[in-house]
Amino acid sequence: MESKTEAGSALVTSEELAAIEDEEVLNKMLDGATDFEERRMIRAALRDLLKRKRDKREQDRGSRQQDLRQQGLSKGGTTGGGVSVGRASMNQQPQTNKPPGQLSSSVGGQPGPAVASAQKCPPAAAPNAKNVKQMLLDWCRAKTEPYEGVDIQNFSSSWKDGIAFCALVHRFFPDAFEYSILNPNKPRDNFQLAFSTAERLAGCPPLLDPDDLVRMKEPDWKCVYTYIQEFYRSLVEKGLVKTKKRL
């Protein structure tokens, strides 16, 4: 049975939504949708589009790797093994069980100075901040709902691989980068991409340092909360969030 919904003044079917290949078009339709069934169909189409793009990139990457392996074998080389070892070393992330205040870097196996910049977070917010915090968390969850791999439940662990930051920025600037190729095993790259894009396109100051974040087991919620507030305010000033209330 064919599903239909009102989108603007036109009657749109699920097949027509599936044919749309532009993320920005679907995002605009989702922002303007008011009917529950309509929003469900648009979200499903957006998720499918992101998955198709990711699958295509994975398929293309696999084909290129296969070509490289075949070329290496034809020349008597060991390209395949070299590539796998290099990728494994690149994906390794610093590990630490120390609390944030005792974080340290190492040079030549010797402990370095404590990392302090990540601790420069504001003091506890005003008494009425509980409602504001929940409103901002709900806003983040709603804006990233169509993105696979993002499940925002708090302002700490939900952001530790950088994917949630990228999804939130991508929602407002879908042409800035290709979301489907992001790797959750490369959190520093994800942090850097999200923060630099937000600064360049939204004017949001880079309050967080990617190097500090990857050293933490989980980001400090006060730091993440403060950054998201600044990003929200930047969007309001740019006219990209249609509200007069600032969080």
C-alpha atoms as a PDB file:
ATOM      1  CA  MET A   1       0.000   0.000   0.000  1.00  0.00           C
ATOM      2  CA  GLU A   2       1.428   3.356  -1.044  1.00  0.00           C
ATOM      3  CA  SER A   3       2.011   5.842   1.773  1.00  0.00           C
ATOM      4  CA  LYS A   4       1.253   9.500   1.096  1.00  0.00           C
ATOM      5  CA  THR A   5       1.678  12.685   3.068  1.00  0.00           C
ATOM      6  CA  GLU A   6       1.230  16.414   2.673  1.00  0.00           C
ATOM      7  CA  ALA A   7       4.561  18.255   2.244  1.00  0.00           C
ATOM      8  CA  GLY A   8       3.897  21.902   1.492  1.00  0.00           C
ATOM      9  CA  SER A   9       1.064  21.971  -0.999  1.00  0.00           C
ATOM     10  CA  ALA A  10       2.034  18.799  -2.862  1.00  0.00           C
ATOM     11  CA  LEU A  11       1.051  15.247  -2.078  1.00  0.00           C
ATOM     12  CA  VAL A  12       4.305  13.340  -1.581  1.00  0.00           C
ATOM     13  CA  THR A  13       4.674   9.571  -1.558  1.00  0.00           C
ATOM     14  CA  SER A  14       7.357   7.528   0.148  1.00  0.00           C
ATOM     15  CA  GLU A  15       8.694   6.606  -3.309  1.00  0.00           C
ATOM     16  CA  GLU A  16       9.100  10.280  -4.203  1.00  0.00           C
ATOM     17  CA  LEU A  17      10.886  10.944  -0.912  1.00  0.00           C
ATOM     18  CA  ALA A  18      13.213   8.018  -1.573  1.00  0.00           C
ATOM     19  CA  ALA A  19      14.120   9.560  -4.940  1.00  0.00           C
ATOM     20  CA  ILE A  20      15.405  12.768  -3.334  1.00  0.00           C
ATOM     21  CA  GLU A  21      19.208  12.695  -3.206  1.00  0.00           C
ATOM     22  CA  ASP A  22      19.758  16.080  -1.554  1.00  0.00           C
ATOM     23  CA  GLU A  23      20.078  16.035   2.253  1.00  0.00           C
ATOM     24  CA  GLU A  24      19.364  19.765   2.471  1.00  0.00           C
ATOM     25  CA  VAL A  25      16.015  19.345   0.717  1.00  0.00           C
ATOM     26  CA  LEU A  26      14.942  16.625   3.146  1.00  0.00           C
ATOM     27  CA  ASN A  27      16.158  18.645   6.139  1.00  0.00           C
ATOM     28  CA  LYS A  28      14.094  21.644   5.032  1.00  0.00           C
ATOM     29  CA  MET A  29      11.050  19.438   4.521  1.00  0.00           C
ATOM     30  CA  LEU A  30      11.537  17.970   8.008  1.00  0.00           C
ATOM     31  CA  ASP A  31      11.813  21.425   9.584  1.00  0.00           C
ATOM     32  CA  GLY A  32       8.587  22.528   7.903  1.00  0.00           C
ATOM     33  CA  ALA A  33       6.612  19.348   8.566  1.00  0.00           C
ATOM     34  CA  THR A  34       3.890  19.424  11.209  1.00  0.00           C
ATOM     35  CA  ASP A  35       2.074  16.111  10.704  1.00  0.00           C
ATOM     36  CA  PHE A  36       3.463  13.149  12.675  1.00  0.00           C
ATOM     37  CA  GLU A  37       3.204  10.687   9.772  1.00  0.00           C
ATOM     38  CA  GLU A  38       4.802  13.190   7.435  1.00  0.00           C
ATOM     39  CA  ARG A  39       7.757  13.698   9.772  1.00  0.00           C
ATOM     40  CA  ARG A  40       8.147   9.934  10.202  1.00  0.00           C
ATOM     41  CA  MET A  41       8.339   9.401   6.442  1.00  0.00           C
ATOM     42  CA  ILE A  42      10.817  12.238   5.916  1.00  0.00           C
ATOM     43  CA  ARG A  43      13.055  11.027   8.759  1.00  0.00           C
ATOM     44  CA  ALA A  44      13.024   7.515   7.276  1.00  0.00           C
ATOM     45  CA  ALA A  45      13.954   8.890   3.839  1.00  0.00           C
ATOM     46  CA  LEU A  46      16.794  10.939   5.333  1.00  0.00           C
ATOM     47  CA  ARG A  47      18.160   7.940   7.240  1.00  0.00           C
ATOM     48  CA  ASP A  48      18.016   5.817   4.084  1.00  0.00           C
ATOM     49  CA  LEU A  49      19.822   8.510   2.068  1.00  0.00           C
ATOM     50  CA  LEU A  50      22.641   8.773   4.617  1.00  0.00           C
ATOM     51  CA  LYS A  51      22.943   4.973   4.717  1.00  0.00           C
ATOM     52  CA  ARG A  52      23.075   4.738   0.893  1.00  0.00           C
ATOM     53  CA  LYS A  53      25.841   7.308   0.749  1.00  0.00           C
ATOM     54  CA  ARG A  54      27.809   5.573   3.476  1.00  0.00           C
ATOM     55  CA  ASP A  55      27.415   2.152   1.817  1.00  0.00           C
ATOM     56  CA  LYS A  56      28.532   3.559  -1.518  1.00  0.00           C
ATOM     57  CA  ARG A  57      31.642   5.091  -0.002  1.00  0.00           C
ATOM     58  CA  GLU A  58      32.453   1.818   1.754  1.00  0.00           C
ATOM     59  CA  GLN A  59      31.982  -0.073  -1.503  1.00  0.00           C
ATOM     60  CA  ASP A  60      34.214   2.363  -3.393  1.00  0.00           C
ATOM     61  CA  ARG A  61      36.843   2.152  -0.653  1.00  0.00           C
ATOM     62  CA  GLY A  62      36.749  -1.643  -0.785  1.00  0.00           C
ATOM     63  CA  SER A  63      37.181  -1.601  -4.563  1.00  0.00           C
ATOM     64  CA  ARG A  64      40.178   0.727  -4.301  1.00  0.00           C
ATOM     65  CA  GLN A  65      41.787  -1.447  -1.636  1.00  0.00           C
ATOM     66  CA  GLN A  66      41.212  -4.548  -3.763  1.00  0.00           C
ATOM     67  CA  ASP A  67      42.856  -2.832  -6.735  1.00  0.00           C
ATOM     68  CA  LEU A  68      45.837  -1.882  -4.587  1.00  0.00           C
ATOM     69  CA  ARG A  69      46.202  -5.440  -3.293  1.00  0.00           C
ATOM     70  CA  GLN A  70      46.069  -6.836  -6.806  1.00  0.00           C
ATOM     71  CA  GLN A  71      48.672  -4.339  -7.989  1.00  0.00           C
ATOM     72  CA  GLY A  72      50.907  -5.237  -5.054  1.00  0.00           C
ATOM     73  CA  LEU A  73      50.611  -8.960  -5.751  1.00  0.00           C
ATOM     74  CA  SER A  74      51.336  -8.494  -9.443  1.00  0.00           C
ATOM     75  CA  LYS A  75      54.551  -6.660  -8.502  1.00  0.00           C
ATOM     76  CA  GLY A  76      55.502  -9.184  -5.834  1.00  0.00           C
ATOM     77  CA  GLY A  77      54.893  -6.650  -3.039  1.00  0.00           C
ATOM     78  CA  THR A  78      53.004  -6.802   0.239  1.00  0.00           C
ATOM     79  CA  THR A  79      50.759  -3.762  -0.100  1.00  0.00           C
ATOM     80  CA  GLY A  80      47.822  -5.391   1.678  1.00  0.00           C
ATOM     81  CA  GLY A  81      49.711  -6.164   4.878  1.00  0.00           C
ATOM     82  CA  GLY A  82      51.322  -2.733   5.002  1.00  0.00           C
ATOM     83  CA  VAL A  83      48.004  -0.976   4.635  1.00  0.00           C
ATOM     84  CA  SER A  84      46.330  -2.960   7.418  1.00  0.00           C
ATOM     85  CA  VAL A  85      49.169  -2.379   9.869  1.00  0.00           C
ATOM     86  CA  GLY A  86      49.229   1.344   9.112  1.00  0.00           C
ATOM     87  CA  ARG A  87      45.492   1.675   9.599  1.00  0.00           C
ATOM     88  CA  ALA A  88      45.606  -0.162  12.928  1.00  0.00           C
ATOM     89  CA  SER A  89      48.265   2.174  14.268  1.00  0.00           C
ATOM     90  CA  MET A  90      46.393   5.267  13.098  1.00  0.00           C
ATOM     91  CA  ASN A  91      43.200   4.184  14.844  1.00  0.00           C
ATOM     92  CA  GLN A  92      44.861   3.760  18.240  1.00  0.00           C
ATOM     93  CA  GLN A  93      43.783   6.418  20.708  1.00  0.00           C
ATOM     94  CA  PRO A  94      45.518   7.487  23.930  1.00  0.00           C
ATOM     95  CA  GLN A  95      44.147   5.641  26.955  1.00  0.00           C
ATOM     96  CA  THR A  96      44.033   6.909  30.519  1.00  0.00           C
ATOM     97  CA  ASN A  97      42.226   6.102  33.731  1.00  0.00           C
ATOM     98  CA  LYS A  98      43.294   9.297  35.440  1.00  0.00           C
ATOM     99  CA  PRO A  99      40.698  11.872  36.412  1.00  0.00           C
ATOM    100  CA  PRO A 100      40.611  15.031  34.225  1.00  0.00           C
ATOM    101  CA  GLY A 101      42.629  17.070  36.712  1.00  0.00           C
ATOM    102  CA  GLN A 102      45.566  14.622  36.489  1.00  0.00           C
ATOM    103  CA  LEU A 103      45.717  14.228  32.735  1.00  0.00           C
ATOM    104  CA  SER A 104      49.215  14.384  31.292  1.00  0.00           C
ATOM    105  CA  SER A 105      50.892  14.074  27.911  1.00  0.00           C
ATOM    106  CA  SER A 106      53.985  11.970  27.296  1.00  0.00           C
ATOM    107  CA  VAL A 107      57.091  12.577  25.249  1.00  0.00           C
ATOM    108  CA  GLY A 108      59.566   9.747  24.863  1.00  0.00           C
ATOM    109  CA  GLY A 109      57.742   7.701  27.491  1.00  0.00           C
ATOM    110  CA  GLN A 110      58.157  10.413  30.138  1.00  0.00           C
ATOM    111  CA  PRO A 111      55.079  12.114  31.666  1.00  0.00           C
ATOM    112  CA  GLY A 112      54.583  15.696  30.572  1.00  0.00           C
ATOM    113  CA  PRO A 113      52.787  18.670  32.152  1.00  0.00           C
ATOM    114  CA  ALA A 114      49.162  18.387  33.196  1.00  0.00           C
ATOM    115  CA  VAL A 115      46.592  19.296  30.609  1.00  0.00           C
ATOM    116  CA  ALA A 116      44.843  22.377  31.912  1.00  0.00           C
ATOM    117  CA  SER A 117      42.940  23.931  29.035  1.00  0.00           C
ATOM    118  CA  ALA A 118      40.127  21.365  29.185  1.00  0.00           C
ATOM    119  CA  GLN A 119      39.519  22.335  32.796  1.00  0.00           C
ATOM    120  CA  LYS A 120      38.795  25.963  31.960  1.00  0.00           C
ATOM    121  CA  CYS A 121      35.057  25.432  32.184  1.00  0.00           C
ATOM    122  CA  PRO A 122      32.546  27.822  33.693  1.00  0.00           C
ATOM    123  CA  PRO A 123      31.230  27.336  37.239  1.00  0.00           C
ATOM    124  CA  ALA A 124      27.866  25.706  37.877  1.00  0.00           C
ATOM    125  CA  ALA A 125      25.019  27.508  36.144  1.00  0.00           C
ATOM    126  CA  ALA A 126      22.210  29.477  37.774  1.00  0.00           C
ATOM    127  CA  PRO A 127      19.487  27.691  39.827  1.00  0.00           C
ATOM    128  CA  ASN A 128      17.028  27.737  36.928  1.00  0.00           C
ATOM    129  CA  ALA A 129      19.558  26.135  34.593  1.00  0.00           C
ATOM    130  CA  LYS A 130      18.062  22.648  35.030  1.00  0.00           C
ATOM    131  CA  ASN A 131      15.139  23.373  32.712  1.00  0.00           C
ATOM    132  CA  VAL A 132      17.390  25.183  30.228  1.00  0.00           C
ATOM    133  CA  LYS A 133      19.816  22.268  30.210  1.00  0.00           C
ATOM    134  CA  GLN A 134      17.029  19.786  29.491  1.00  0.00           C
ATOM    135  CA  MET A 135      15.605  22.010  26.748  1.00  0.00           C
ATOM    136  CA  LEU A 136      19.007  22.223  25.079  1.00  0.00           C
ATOM    137  CA  LEU A 137      19.509  18.472  25.374  1.00  0.00           C
ATOM    138  CA  ASP A 138      16.078  17.852  23.798  1.00  0.00           C
ATOM    139  CA  TRP A 139      16.951  20.285  20.997  1.00  0.00           C
ATOM    140  CA  CYS A 140      20.210  18.438  20.271  1.00  0.00           C
ATOM    141  CA  ARG A 141      18.388  15.098  20.284  1.00  0.00           C
ATOM    142  CA  ALA A 142      15.687  16.341  17.894  1.00  0.00           C
ATOM    143  CA  LYS A 143      18.156  17.864  15.443  1.00  0.00           C
ATOM    144  CA  THR A 144      20.337  14.736  15.275  1.00  0.00           C
ATOM    145  CA  GLU A 145      17.494  12.205  15.270  1.00  0.00           C
ATOM    146  CA  PRO A 146      17.870  11.226  11.577  1.00  0.00           C
ATOM    147  CA  TYR A 147      21.605  10.533  11.925  1.00  0.00           C
ATOM    148  CA  GLU A 148      22.715   6.949  12.353  1.00  0.00           C
ATOM    149  CA  GLY A 149      25.265   6.363  15.086  1.00  0.00           C
ATOM    150  CA  VAL A 150      24.050   9.284  17.224  1.00  0.00           C
ATOM    151  CA  ASP A 151      22.134   8.733  20.453  1.00  0.00           C
ATOM    152  CA  ILE A 152      22.281  11.826  22.655  1.00  0.00           C
ATOM    153  CA  GLN A 153      21.349  11.036  26.247  1.00  0.00           C
ATOM    154  CA  ASN A 154      23.590  13.486  28.113  1.00  0.00           C
ATOM    155  CA  PHE A 155      26.263  16.147  27.683  1.00  0.00           C
ATOM    156  CA  SER A 156      29.182  13.813  28.409  1.00  0.00           C
ATOM    157  CA  SER A 157      29.504  10.226  27.124  1.00  0.00           C
ATOM    158  CA  SER A 158      27.116  10.814  24.207  1.00  0.00           C
ATOM    159  CA  TRP A 159      29.689  13.173  22.649  1.00  0.00           C
ATOM    160  CA  LYS A 160      32.945  11.296  23.288  1.00  0.00           C
ATOM    161  CA  ASP A 161      33.648  10.117  19.719  1.00  0.00           C
ATOM    162  CA  GLY A 162      32.837  13.470  18.100  1.00  0.00           C
ATOM    163  CA  ILE A 163      30.113  12.047  15.862  1.00  0.00           C
ATOM    164  CA  ALA A 164      27.305  13.864  17.714  1.00  0.00           C
ATOM    165  CA  PHE A 165      29.089  17.201  17.253  1.00  0.00           C
ATOM    166  CA  CYS A 166      29.479  16.485  13.537  1.00  0.00           C
ATOM    167  CA  ALA A 167      25.831  15.460  13.160  1.00  0.00           C
ATOM    168  CA  LEU A 168      24.601  18.630  14.892  1.00  0.00           C
ATOM    169  CA  VAL A 169      26.790  20.874  12.730  1.00  0.00           C
ATOM    170  CA  HIS A 170      25.937  18.900   9.578  1.00  0.00           C
ATOM    171  CA  ARG A 171      22.214  19.355  10.219  1.00  0.00           C
ATOM    172  CA  PHE A 172      22.613  23.118   9.690  1.00  0.00           C
ATOM    173  CA  PHE A 173      25.436  22.984   7.138  1.00  0.00           C
ATOM    174  CA  PRO A 174      24.854  19.791   5.097  1.00  0.00           C
ATOM    175  CA  ASP A 175      27.156  20.894   2.264  1.00  0.00           C
ATOM    176  CA  ALA A 176      30.138  21.504   4.549  1.00  0.00           C
ATOM    177  CA  PHE A 177      31.305  17.868   4.654  1.00  0.00           C
ATOM    178  CA  GLU A 178      30.234  14.287   3.920  1.00  0.00           C
ATOM    179  CA  TYR A 179      28.743  12.871   7.106  1.00  0.00           C
ATOM    180  CA  SER A 180      28.490   9.284   5.855  1.00  0.00           C
ATOM    181  CA  ILE A 181      32.279   8.804   5.690  1.00  0.00           C
ATOM    182  CA  LEU A 182      33.007   9.804   9.295  1.00  0.00           C
ATOM    183  CA  ASN A 183      34.769   7.214  11.439  1.00  0.00           C
ATOM    184  CA  PRO A 184      33.815   6.958  15.150  1.00  0.00           C
ATOM    185  CA  ASN A 185      37.243   5.423  15.784  1.00  0.00           C
ATOM    186  CA  LYS A 186      38.864   8.750  14.886  1.00  0.00           C
ATOM    187  CA  PRO A 187      37.398  11.085  17.518  1.00  0.00           C
ATOM    188  CA  ARG A 188      40.074  13.758  17.193  1.00  0.00           C
ATOM    189  CA  ASP A 189      39.382  14.176  13.477  1.00  0.00           C
ATOM    190  CA  ASN A 190      35.654  14.369  14.202  1.00  0.00           C
ATOM    191  CA  PHE A 191      36.109  16.991  16.928  1.00  0.00           C
ATOM    192  CA  GLN A 192      38.367  19.073  14.700  1.00  0.00           C
ATOM    193  CA  LEU A 193      35.972  18.860  11.757  1.00  0.00           C
ATOM    194  CA  ALA A 194      32.925  19.849  13.809  1.00  0.00           C
ATOM    195  CA  PHE A 195      34.578  22.730  15.676  1.00  0.00           C
ATOM    196  CA  SER A 196      36.335  24.221  12.644  1.00  0.00           C
ATOM    197  CA  THR A 197      33.157  24.028  10.546  1.00  0.00           C
ATOM    198  CA  ALA A 198      31.060  25.617  13.306  1.00  0.00           C
ATOM    199  CA  GLU A 199      33.614  28.413  13.673  1.00  0.00           C
ATOM    200  CA  ARG A 200      33.879  29.040   9.933  1.00  0.00           C
ATOM    201  CA  LEU A 201      30.191  28.908   9.023  1.00  0.00           C
ATOM    202  CA  ALA A 202      28.363  29.799  12.245  1.00  0.00           C
ATOM    203  CA  GLY A 203      30.926  32.016  13.942  1.00  0.00           C
ATOM    204  CA  CYS A 204      30.963  29.750  17.001  1.00  0.00           C
ATOM    205  CA  PRO A 205      34.173  30.172  19.035  1.00  0.00           C
ATOM    206  CA  PRO A 206      36.236  26.956  19.391  1.00  0.00           C
ATOM    207  CA  LEU A 207      35.909  26.618  23.167  1.00  0.00           C
ATOM    208  CA  LEU A 208      36.939  22.943  23.209  1.00  0.00           C
ATOM    209  CA  ASP A 209      40.319  21.461  22.302  1.00  0.00           C
ATOM    210  CA  PRO A 210      40.268  18.151  20.355  1.00  0.00           C
ATOM    211  CA  ASP A 211      43.551  16.989  21.896  1.00  0.00           C
ATOM    212  CA  ASP A 212      42.220  17.496  25.409  1.00  0.00           C
ATOM    213  CA  LEU A 213      38.961  15.717  24.630  1.00  0.00           C
ATOM    214  CA  VAL A 214      40.590  12.556  23.285  1.00  0.00           C
ATOM    215  CA  ARG A 215      42.671  12.253  26.461  1.00  0.00           C
ATOM    216  CA  MET A 216      39.527  12.082  28.567  1.00  0.00           C
ATOM    217  CA  LYS A 217      37.569   8.911  29.111  1.00  0.00           C
ATOM    218  CA  GLU A 218      34.440  11.079  28.817  1.00  0.00           C
ATOM    219  CA  PRO A 219      34.150  14.820  28.127  1.00  0.00           C
ATOM    220  CA  ASP A 220      33.345  17.153  31.017  1.00  0.00           C
ATOM    221  CA  TRP A 221      29.597  17.816  30.714  1.00  0.00           C
ATOM    222  CA  LYS A 222      29.980  21.468  31.723  1.00  0.00           C
ATOM    223  CA  CYS A 223      32.411  22.058  28.856  1.00  0.00           C
ATOM    224  CA  VAL A 224      30.165  20.345  26.288  1.00  0.00           C
ATOM    225  CA  TYR A 225      27.079  22.134  27.633  1.00  0.00           C
ATOM    226  CA  THR A 226      28.813  25.524  27.379  1.00  0.00           C
ATOM    227  CA  TYR A 227      29.962  24.828  23.816  1.00  0.00           C
ATOM    228  CA  ILE A 228      26.494  23.738  22.672  1.00  0.00           C
ATOM    229  CA  GLN A 229      25.041  26.913  24.220  1.00  0.00           C
ATOM    230  CA  GLU A 230      27.492  28.996  22.188  1.00  0.00           C
ATOM    231  CA  PHE A 231      26.698  27.069  19.016  1.00  0.00           C
ATOM    232  CA  TYR A 232      22.962  27.581  19.600  1.00  0.00           C
ATOM    233  CA  ARG A 233      23.455  31.311  20.164  1.00  0.00           C
ATOM    234  CA  SER A 234      25.572  31.570  17.027  1.00  0.00           C
ATOM    235  CA  LEU A 235      22.799  29.927  14.997  1.00  0.00           C
ATOM    236  CA  VAL A 236      20.240  32.336  16.460  1.00  0.00           C
ATOM    237  CA  GLU A 237      22.412  35.306  15.506  1.00  0.00           C
ATOM    238  CA  LYS A 238      22.773  33.902  11.978  1.00  0.00           C
ATOM    239  CA  GLY A 239      19.004  33.484  11.728  1.00  0.00           C
ATOM    240  CA  LEU A 240      19.321  29.710  11.322  1.00  0.00           C
ATOM    241  CA  VAL A 241      17.269  28.961  14.441  1.00  0.00           C
ATOM    242  CA  LYS A 242      13.857  30.560  14.351  1.00  0.00           C
ATOM    243  CA  THR A 243      13.385  31.577  17.940  1.00  0.00           C
ATOM    244  CA  LYS A 244      13.901  34.671  20.015  1.00  0.00           C
ATOM    245  CA  LYS A 245      14.671  32.687  23.183  1.00  0.00           C
ATOM    246  CA  ARG A 246      18.321  32.086  23.840  1.00  0.00           C
ATOM    247  CA  LEU A 247      19.448  29.088  25.837  1.00  0.00           C
END
